[in-house]
């Protein structure tokens, strides 16, 4: 997996982090 500077989407880890933050803020 080559690292791309301009990725078009979130990686699985980043997606989980975003969901976790939203869950905490929405709690």
PDB file of N, CA and C in Angstrom:
ATOM      1  N   UNK A   1       0.837  -1.207   0.000  1.00  0.00           N
ATOM      2  CA  UNK A   1       0.000   0.000   0.000  1.00  0.00           C
ATOM      3  C   UNK A   1       0.867   1.251   0.000  1.00  0.00           C
ATOM      4  N   UNK A   2       0.866   1.959  -1.101  1.00  0.00           N
ATOM      5  CA  UNK A   2       1.662   3.181  -1.199  1.00  0.00           C
ATOM      6  C   UNK A   2       0.914   4.336  -0.554  1.00  0.00           C
ATOM      7  N   UNK A   3       1.668   5.213   0.102  1.00  0.00           N
ATOM      8  CA  UNK A   3       1.041   6.361   0.763  1.00  0.00           C
ATOM      9  C   UNK A   3       0.746   7.443  -0.265  1.00  0.00           C
ATOM     10  N   UNK A   4      -0.475   7.934  -0.256  1.00  0.00           N
ATOM     11  CA  UNK A   4      -0.865   8.986  -1.189  1.00  0.00           C
ATOM     12  C   UNK A   4      -1.092  10.284  -0.429  1.00  0.00           C
ATOM     13  N   UNK A   5      -0.469  11.354  -0.907  1.00  0.00           N
ATOM     14  CA  UNK A   5      -0.612  12.653  -0.233  1.00  0.00           C
ATOM     15  C   UNK A   5      -2.039  13.160  -0.378  1.00  0.00           C
ATOM     16  N   UNK A   6      -2.629  12.960  -1.553  1.00  0.00           N
ATOM     17  CA  UNK A   6      -3.987  13.453  -1.779  1.00  0.00           C
ATOM     18  C   UNK A   6      -4.968  12.307  -1.819  1.00  0.00           C
ATOM     19  N   UNK A   7      -5.257  11.735  -0.677  1.00  0.00           N
ATOM     20  CA  UNK A   7      -6.179  10.606  -0.644  1.00  0.00           C
ATOM     21  C   UNK A   7      -7.614  11.098  -0.833  1.00  0.00           C
ATOM     22  N   UNK A   8      -8.419  10.264  -1.426  1.00  0.00           N
ATOM     23  CA  UNK A   8      -9.788  10.672  -1.759  1.00  0.00           C
ATOM     24  C   UNK A   8     -10.788  10.319  -0.667  1.00  0.00           C
ATOM     25  N   UNK A   9     -10.339   9.612   0.354  1.00  0.00           N
ATOM     26  CA  UNK A   9     -11.265   9.218   1.408  1.00  0.00           C
ATOM     27  C   UNK A   9     -10.537   8.954   2.708  1.00  0.00           C
ATOM     28  N   UNK A  10     -11.293   8.548   3.715  1.00  0.00           N
ATOM     29  CA  UNK A  10     -10.704   8.262   5.014  1.00  0.00           C
ATOM     30  C   UNK A  10     -10.234   6.813   5.068  1.00  0.00           C
ATOM     31  N   UNK A  11      -9.198   6.597   5.844  1.00  0.00           N
ATOM     32  CA  UNK A  11      -8.779   5.221   6.076  1.00  0.00           C
ATOM     33  C   UNK A  11      -9.684   4.659   7.162  1.00  0.00           C
ATOM     34  N   UNK A  12      -9.612   3.364   7.394  1.00  0.00           N
ATOM     35  CA  UNK A  12     -10.484   2.745   8.389  1.00  0.00           C
ATOM     36  C   UNK A  12     -10.223   3.320   9.773  1.00  0.00           C
ATOM     37  N   UNK A  13      -8.955   3.533  10.105  1.00  0.00           N
ATOM     38  CA  UNK A  13      -8.604   4.083  11.416  1.00  0.00           C
ATOM     39  C   UNK A  13      -9.166   5.487  11.574  1.00  0.00           C
ATOM     40  N   UNK A  14      -8.990   6.321  10.557  1.00  0.00           N
ATOM     41  CA  UNK A  14      -9.484   7.705  10.633  1.00  0.00           C
ATOM     42  C   UNK A  14     -10.998   7.719  10.745  1.00  0.00           C
ATOM     43  N   UNK A  15     -11.664   6.806  10.033  1.00  0.00           N
ATOM     44  CA  UNK A  15     -13.121   6.742  10.089  1.00  0.00           C
ATOM     45  C   UNK A  15     -13.583   6.383  11.495  1.00  0.00           C
ATOM     46  N   UNK A  16     -12.897   5.428  12.125  1.00  0.00           N
ATOM     47  CA  UNK A  16     -13.252   5.029  13.487  1.00  0.00           C
ATOM     48  C   UNK A  16     -13.024   6.169  14.459  1.00  0.00           C
ATOM     49  N   UNK A  17     -11.956   6.932  14.263  1.00  0.00           N
ATOM     50  CA  UNK A  17     -11.657   8.063  15.144  1.00  0.00           C
ATOM     51  C   UNK A  17     -12.746   9.120  15.026  1.00  0.00           C
ATOM     52  N   UNK A  18     -13.136   9.431  13.805  1.00  0.00           N
ATOM     53  CA  UNK A  18     -14.183  10.429  13.581  1.00  0.00           C
ATOM     54  C   UNK A  18     -15.496   9.990  14.221  1.00  0.00           C
ATOM     55  N   UNK A  19     -15.850   8.729  14.042  1.00  0.00           N
ATOM     56  CA  UNK A  19     -17.083   8.202  14.631  1.00  0.00           C
ATOM     57  C   UNK A  19     -17.029   8.281  16.149  1.00  0.00           C
ATOM     58  N   UNK A  20     -15.866   7.976  16.719  1.00  0.00           N
ATOM     59  CA  UNK A  20     -15.710   8.018  18.171  1.00  0.00           C
ATOM     60  C   UNK A  20     -15.888   9.442  18.686  1.00  0.00           C
ATOM     61  N   UNK A  21     -15.298  10.416  18.003  1.00  0.00           N
ATOM     62  CA  UNK A  21     -15.407  11.818  18.417  1.00  0.00           C
ATOM     63  C   UNK A  21     -16.860  12.277  18.345  1.00  0.00           C
ATOM     64  N   UNK A  22     -17.534  11.942  17.258  1.00  0.00           N
ATOM     65  CA  UNK A  22     -18.940  12.321  17.100  1.00  0.00           C
ATOM     66  C   UNK A  22     -19.789  11.679  18.188  1.00  0.00           C
ATOM     67  N   UNK A  23     -19.495  10.426  18.512  1.00  0.00           N
ATOM     68  CA  UNK A  23     -20.252   9.719  19.543  1.00  0.00           C
ATOM     69  C   UNK A  23     -20.066  10.388  20.900  1.00  0.00           C
ATOM     70  N   UNK A  24     -18.840  10.814  21.189  1.00  0.00           N
ATOM     71  CA  UNK A  24     -18.562  11.478  22.468  1.00  0.00           C
ATOM     72  C   UNK A  24     -19.274  12.831  22.535  1.00  0.00           C
ATOM     73  N   UNK A  25     -19.214  13.585  21.443  1.00  0.00           N
ATOM     74  CA  UNK A  25     -19.848  14.904  21.423  1.00  0.00           C
ATOM     75  C   UNK A  25     -21.369  14.778  21.480  1.00  0.00           C
ATOM     76  N   UNK A  26     -21.902  13.720  20.896  1.00  0.00           N
ATOM     77  CA  UNK A  26     -23.351  13.539  20.841  1.00  0.00           C
ATOM     78  C   UNK A  26     -23.889  12.891  22.111  1.00  0.00           C
ATOM     79  N   UNK A  27     -23.006  12.333  22.898  1.00  0.00           N
ATOM     80  CA  UNK A  27     -23.440  11.635  24.117  1.00  0.00           C
ATOM     81  C   UNK A  27     -24.016  12.634  25.121  1.00  0.00           C
TER      82      UNK A  27
END
